[in-house]
N, C-alpha and C. Protein backbone atom coordinates (compact mmCIF):
# COMPACT_ATOMS: atom_id res chain seq x y z
N UNK A 1 -9.29 -4.57 23.41
CA UNK A 1 -8.00 -4.22 23.96
C UNK A 1 -7.26 -3.32 22.99
N UNK A 2 -6.68 -2.27 23.47
CA UNK A 2 -5.94 -1.32 22.64
C UNK A 2 -4.53 -1.86 22.38
N UNK A 3 -4.12 -1.86 21.12
CA UNK A 3 -2.78 -2.37 20.81
C UNK A 3 -1.71 -1.29 20.96
N UNK A 4 -2.14 -0.03 21.15
CA UNK A 4 -1.20 1.06 21.30
C UNK A 4 -1.04 1.43 22.77
N UNK A 5 0.07 1.04 23.34
CA UNK A 5 0.37 1.40 24.72
C UNK A 5 1.86 1.72 24.83
N UNK A 6 2.30 2.16 25.98
CA UNK A 6 3.70 2.51 26.20
C UNK A 6 4.19 3.49 25.14
N UNK A 7 3.44 4.56 24.92
CA UNK A 7 3.74 5.63 23.97
C UNK A 7 3.85 5.17 22.52
N UNK A 8 3.24 4.04 22.21
CA UNK A 8 3.20 3.56 20.83
C UNK A 8 1.99 4.17 20.16
N UNK A 9 2.19 4.75 18.98
CA UNK A 9 1.09 5.30 18.22
C UNK A 9 1.08 4.67 16.83
N UNK A 10 0.11 5.05 16.01
CA UNK A 10 -0.03 4.45 14.69
C UNK A 10 1.23 4.65 13.85
N UNK A 11 1.83 5.82 13.94
CA UNK A 11 3.05 6.10 13.18
C UNK A 11 4.17 5.13 13.58
N UNK A 12 4.42 5.02 14.87
CA UNK A 12 5.49 4.12 15.35
C UNK A 12 5.17 2.66 15.04
N UNK A 13 3.92 2.29 15.22
CA UNK A 13 3.51 0.91 14.94
C UNK A 13 3.79 0.56 13.48
N UNK A 14 3.38 1.46 12.57
CA UNK A 14 3.59 1.22 11.14
C UNK A 14 5.07 1.19 10.79
N UNK A 15 5.82 2.15 11.29
CA UNK A 15 7.25 2.22 10.98
C UNK A 15 7.98 0.99 11.50
N UNK A 16 7.62 0.53 12.69
CA UNK A 16 8.28 -0.65 13.27
C UNK A 16 7.91 -1.94 12.54
N UNK A 17 6.75 -1.97 11.91
CA UNK A 17 6.29 -3.19 11.24
C UNK A 17 6.90 -3.39 9.86
N UNK A 18 7.46 -2.34 9.28
CA UNK A 18 8.00 -2.47 7.92
C UNK A 18 9.43 -2.97 7.94
N UNK A 19 9.84 -3.72 6.95
CA UNK A 19 8.99 -4.33 5.93
C UNK A 19 8.54 -5.74 6.31
N UNK A 20 9.09 -6.32 7.35
CA UNK A 20 8.83 -7.73 7.68
C UNK A 20 7.39 -8.01 8.07
N UNK A 21 6.76 -7.11 8.80
CA UNK A 21 5.42 -7.38 9.32
C UNK A 21 4.36 -6.50 8.66
N UNK A 22 4.48 -6.27 7.37
CA UNK A 22 3.55 -5.37 6.68
C UNK A 22 2.11 -5.88 6.75
N UNK A 23 1.93 -7.19 6.89
CA UNK A 23 0.57 -7.74 7.00
C UNK A 23 -0.11 -7.29 8.29
N UNK A 24 0.66 -6.89 9.30
CA UNK A 24 0.09 -6.44 10.56
C UNK A 24 -0.49 -5.03 10.48
N UNK A 25 -0.14 -4.30 9.45
CA UNK A 25 -0.51 -2.89 9.37
C UNK A 25 -1.89 -2.68 8.80
N UNK A 26 -2.23 -3.40 7.76
CA UNK A 26 -3.50 -3.17 7.06
C UNK A 26 -4.58 -4.12 7.54
N UNK A 27 -5.79 -3.80 7.21
CA UNK A 27 -6.94 -4.62 7.56
C UNK A 27 -6.72 -6.04 7.02
N UNK A 28 -6.82 -7.06 7.85
CA UNK A 28 -6.55 -8.43 7.41
C UNK A 28 -7.44 -8.91 6.26
N UNK A 29 -8.61 -8.30 6.10
CA UNK A 29 -9.47 -8.74 5.00
C UNK A 29 -8.89 -8.38 3.63
N UNK A 30 -8.00 -7.41 3.59
CA UNK A 30 -7.35 -7.05 2.33
C UNK A 30 -6.52 -8.22 1.81
N UNK A 31 -5.91 -8.95 2.71
CA UNK A 31 -5.04 -10.05 2.30
C UNK A 31 -5.82 -11.33 2.01
N UNK A 32 -7.10 -11.36 2.37
CA UNK A 32 -7.89 -12.58 2.28
C UNK A 32 -7.87 -13.21 0.88
N UNK A 33 -7.98 -12.39 -0.14
CA UNK A 33 -8.08 -12.92 -1.49
C UNK A 33 -6.75 -12.99 -2.22
N UNK A 34 -5.71 -12.37 -1.69
CA UNK A 34 -4.44 -12.36 -2.42
C UNK A 34 -3.80 -13.73 -2.50
N UNK A 35 -4.08 -14.62 -1.54
CA UNK A 35 -3.50 -15.95 -1.58
C UNK A 35 -4.03 -16.78 -2.74
N UNK A 36 -5.17 -16.38 -3.27
CA UNK A 36 -5.77 -17.11 -4.39
C UNK A 36 -5.06 -16.78 -5.71
N UNK A 37 -4.32 -15.70 -5.74
CA UNK A 37 -3.66 -15.27 -6.97
C UNK A 37 -2.24 -15.82 -7.06
N UNK A 38 -1.68 -15.71 -8.24
CA UNK A 38 -0.29 -16.15 -8.41
C UNK A 38 0.66 -15.15 -7.76
N UNK A 39 1.92 -15.50 -7.71
CA UNK A 39 2.90 -14.69 -6.99
C UNK A 39 3.08 -13.30 -7.61
N UNK A 40 2.92 -13.17 -8.91
CA UNK A 40 3.06 -11.86 -9.56
C UNK A 40 1.95 -10.91 -9.10
N UNK A 41 0.74 -11.40 -9.05
CA UNK A 41 -0.39 -10.57 -8.62
C UNK A 41 -0.25 -10.23 -7.14
N UNK A 42 0.07 -11.22 -6.32
CA UNK A 42 0.26 -10.96 -4.88
C UNK A 42 1.33 -9.91 -4.67
N UNK A 43 2.43 -10.03 -5.39
CA UNK A 43 3.53 -9.09 -5.25
C UNK A 43 3.11 -7.68 -5.65
N UNK A 44 2.35 -7.56 -6.73
CA UNK A 44 1.88 -6.25 -7.18
C UNK A 44 0.97 -5.59 -6.16
N UNK A 45 0.06 -6.36 -5.60
CA UNK A 45 -0.86 -5.83 -4.59
C UNK A 45 -0.08 -5.42 -3.34
N UNK A 46 0.83 -6.27 -2.90
CA UNK A 46 1.62 -5.96 -1.70
C UNK A 46 2.49 -4.73 -1.91
N UNK A 47 3.11 -4.59 -3.09
CA UNK A 47 3.96 -3.43 -3.36
C UNK A 47 3.16 -2.14 -3.34
N UNK A 48 1.97 -2.17 -3.90
CA UNK A 48 1.11 -0.99 -3.89
C UNK A 48 0.75 -0.60 -2.45
N UNK A 49 0.31 -1.57 -1.67
CA UNK A 49 -0.04 -1.28 -0.28
C UNK A 49 1.16 -0.82 0.54
N UNK A 50 2.30 -1.42 0.29
CA UNK A 50 3.52 -1.03 1.00
C UNK A 50 3.88 0.42 0.66
N UNK A 51 3.72 0.81 -0.59
CA UNK A 51 3.99 2.20 -0.99
C UNK A 51 3.07 3.17 -0.27
N UNK A 52 1.79 2.81 -0.14
CA UNK A 52 0.84 3.67 0.55
C UNK A 52 1.21 3.79 2.03
N UNK A 53 1.57 2.69 2.66
CA UNK A 53 1.94 2.73 4.09
C UNK A 53 3.21 3.54 4.29
N UNK A 54 4.18 3.39 3.41
CA UNK A 54 5.42 4.18 3.52
C UNK A 54 5.12 5.67 3.40
N UNK A 55 4.23 6.02 2.49
CA UNK A 55 3.84 7.43 2.35
C UNK A 55 3.12 7.90 3.61
N UNK A 56 2.26 7.06 4.16
CA UNK A 56 1.57 7.41 5.40
C UNK A 56 2.57 7.72 6.51
N UNK A 57 3.61 6.92 6.58
CA UNK A 57 4.63 7.15 7.60
C UNK A 57 5.32 8.49 7.38
N UNK A 58 5.60 8.80 6.12
CA UNK A 58 6.24 10.08 5.80
C UNK A 58 5.35 11.27 6.13
N UNK A 59 4.04 11.09 6.00
CA UNK A 59 3.09 12.18 6.26
C UNK A 59 2.75 12.34 7.74
N UNK A 60 2.97 11.31 8.54
CA UNK A 60 2.48 11.33 9.91
C UNK A 60 3.56 11.54 10.97
N UNK A 61 4.72 11.99 10.54
CA UNK A 61 5.76 12.27 11.53
C UNK A 61 5.29 13.40 12.45
N UNK A 62 5.71 13.36 13.71
CA UNK A 62 5.20 14.30 14.70
C UNK A 62 5.59 15.74 14.40
N UNK A 63 6.80 15.96 13.97
CA UNK A 63 7.26 17.31 13.68
C UNK A 63 6.91 17.69 12.24
N UNK A 64 6.19 18.77 12.05
CA UNK A 64 5.80 19.16 10.70
C UNK A 64 7.00 19.31 9.75
N UNK A 65 8.13 19.77 10.24
CA UNK A 65 9.29 19.94 9.36
C UNK A 65 9.86 18.60 8.89
N UNK A 66 9.51 17.52 9.57
CA UNK A 66 9.96 16.19 9.17
C UNK A 66 8.99 15.52 8.20
N UNK A 67 7.78 16.07 8.09
CA UNK A 67 6.76 15.49 7.22
C UNK A 67 7.04 15.83 5.77
N UNK A 68 6.63 14.94 4.89
CA UNK A 68 6.74 15.19 3.46
C UNK A 68 5.79 16.34 3.11
N UNK A 69 6.22 17.29 2.29
CA UNK A 69 5.31 18.38 1.90
C UNK A 69 4.08 17.82 1.17
N UNK A 70 2.94 18.44 1.38
CA UNK A 70 1.68 17.93 0.84
C UNK A 70 1.73 17.81 -0.69
N UNK A 71 2.43 18.75 -1.35
CA UNK A 71 2.53 18.67 -2.81
C UNK A 71 3.28 17.40 -3.22
N UNK A 72 4.34 17.07 -2.50
CA UNK A 72 5.12 15.87 -2.79
C UNK A 72 4.31 14.61 -2.47
N UNK A 73 3.51 14.66 -1.40
CA UNK A 73 2.67 13.53 -1.04
C UNK A 73 1.62 13.28 -2.13
N UNK A 74 1.06 14.36 -2.66
CA UNK A 74 0.07 14.22 -3.74
C UNK A 74 0.70 13.63 -4.99
N UNK A 75 1.89 14.07 -5.33
CA UNK A 75 2.61 13.52 -6.48
C UNK A 75 2.88 12.04 -6.28
N UNK A 76 3.30 11.69 -5.07
CA UNK A 76 3.58 10.28 -4.75
C UNK A 76 2.31 9.43 -4.82
N UNK A 77 1.19 9.95 -4.30
CA UNK A 77 -0.07 9.20 -4.38
C UNK A 77 -0.50 8.98 -5.83
N UNK A 78 -0.32 9.99 -6.67
CA UNK A 78 -0.63 9.83 -8.09
C UNK A 78 0.27 8.78 -8.73
N UNK A 79 1.55 8.78 -8.35
CA UNK A 79 2.49 7.79 -8.90
C UNK A 79 2.10 6.37 -8.46
N UNK A 80 1.69 6.23 -7.21
CA UNK A 80 1.25 4.91 -6.71
C UNK A 80 0.01 4.47 -7.48
N UNK A 81 -0.95 5.38 -7.64
CA UNK A 81 -2.16 5.07 -8.38
C UNK A 81 -1.84 4.67 -9.82
N UNK A 82 -0.99 5.45 -10.47
CA UNK A 82 -0.64 5.16 -11.86
C UNK A 82 0.07 3.82 -11.99
N UNK A 83 0.93 3.52 -11.05
CA UNK A 83 1.64 2.24 -11.05
C UNK A 83 0.66 1.09 -10.89
N UNK A 84 -0.29 1.26 -9.98
CA UNK A 84 -1.29 0.21 -9.77
C UNK A 84 -2.16 0.03 -11.01
N UNK A 85 -2.60 1.14 -11.61
CA UNK A 85 -3.45 1.04 -12.79
C UNK A 85 -2.71 0.37 -13.95
N UNK A 86 -1.44 0.68 -14.10
CA UNK A 86 -0.63 0.04 -15.14
C UNK A 86 -0.55 -1.47 -14.88
N UNK A 87 -0.32 -1.82 -13.64
CA UNK A 87 -0.26 -3.23 -13.23
C UNK A 87 -1.60 -3.92 -13.50
N UNK A 88 -2.70 -3.27 -13.10
CA UNK A 88 -4.03 -3.87 -13.28
C UNK A 88 -4.36 -4.03 -14.76
N UNK A 89 -4.02 -3.03 -15.57
CA UNK A 89 -4.29 -3.13 -17.01
C UNK A 89 -3.52 -4.29 -17.63
N UNK A 90 -2.27 -4.46 -17.22
CA UNK A 90 -1.47 -5.55 -17.78
C UNK A 90 -2.07 -6.90 -17.42
N UNK A 91 -2.66 -7.02 -16.22
CA UNK A 91 -3.32 -8.26 -15.83
C UNK A 91 -4.57 -8.50 -16.66
N UNK A 92 -5.33 -7.43 -16.92
CA UNK A 92 -6.53 -7.58 -17.74
C UNK A 92 -6.18 -8.05 -19.14
N UNK A 93 -5.14 -7.46 -19.73
CA UNK A 93 -4.71 -7.86 -21.06
C UNK A 93 -4.21 -9.30 -21.04
N UNK A 94 -3.43 -9.63 -20.03
CA UNK A 94 -2.87 -10.99 -19.90
C UNK A 94 -3.97 -12.04 -19.79
N UNK A 95 -5.07 -11.69 -19.14
CA UNK A 95 -6.16 -12.64 -18.93
C UNK A 95 -7.28 -12.51 -19.96
N UNK A 96 -7.01 -11.79 -21.05
CA UNK A 96 -7.96 -11.74 -22.15
C UNK A 96 -9.08 -10.73 -22.02
N UNK A 97 -8.96 -9.82 -21.08
CA UNK A 97 -9.99 -8.79 -20.92
C UNK A 97 -9.32 -7.45 -21.22
N UNK A 98 -9.87 -6.74 -22.16
CA UNK A 98 -9.29 -5.43 -22.52
C UNK A 98 -10.33 -4.35 -22.23
N UNK A 99 -10.04 -3.53 -21.20
CA UNK A 99 -10.86 -2.40 -20.83
C UNK A 99 -12.35 -2.75 -20.76
N UNK A 100 -12.66 -3.80 -20.06
CA UNK A 100 -14.04 -4.15 -19.78
C UNK A 100 -14.71 -5.02 -20.81
N UNK A 101 -14.04 -5.37 -21.89
CA UNK A 101 -14.68 -6.24 -22.87
C UNK A 101 -13.85 -7.51 -23.03
N UNK A 102 -14.49 -8.57 -23.39
CA UNK A 102 -13.83 -9.85 -23.59
C UNK A 102 -13.16 -9.83 -24.95
N UNK A 103 -11.97 -10.35 -25.01
CA UNK A 103 -11.21 -10.42 -26.25
C UNK A 103 -11.86 -11.34 -27.24
């Protein structure tokens, strides 16, 4: 069954789901393992995914003049990546693993 009907498309579905129903937007298997982590890790993962979905919404507006310029989207994607990597590195250090080796 198609979930997009009555002129609903992926852009509208995503925009309408934020921020309360963000779990409805991404593949449910992504959330499968986050419940096993503490609230800090869950929050970091959710914030990263939420940033990506918000950028997707900015890029997928119907009118090109309303879309974020591709250069700005690339800068934002790099910022999201850098933020996630910083978060992941801090978790590795916190749990005694530094850049692939055991402390």
